Amino acid sequence: MFENFKNSMVQQFEMIDIGLMTHFLGLEVMQKEEGIFVSQSDYATNILERFKMESCNPISTPVENGVELRKSKAGNVDLTYFKSLIGSLRYLTCTRPDILYGVGLISRYMDTPDQSHLNAAKRILRYIKGTINERYVLHFK
């Protein structure tokens, strides 16, 4: 049935079969007998490089225990840099639920981020650095 569909599509549209999907929108896709596995380890590495954290010291938790972030009246952090960092981390949460709480926490302060908010975001990057080889993978059957 799949071959018939593919042949009819080739007749209607100009296309070729390039095989199994391996990458899609920054996601690494591995299709095996057990199911489909999705990862973002290359994307995580790119985030570390883009924000100049590839040689940072790794840590074991994404959020500092007992940290209290507060809204500041006037942020002293480059807003474009901070929003870009948060956006990158938010996309990474697609396959990294372990950073979801921390990213959600710092996302609250995108209007006027200060140094404490940037430090919390960089802590998540340090955590990613320490866990990048653990290959967080989503599995679909």
Foldseek 3Di string as FASTA:
>chain_A
DVVVVVVVVVVVDPDDDPDDDQDDPQWGWDQDPQFIKIFNLVLLCVLCVVVVNLPPAADAALADPPDDDDADPAAPDDLVVVVVLLVSVVVNCVQVVRCVVLSVVLVVHSVHHYPVSVVSSVSNSSNCSVCSVVTRMDGDD
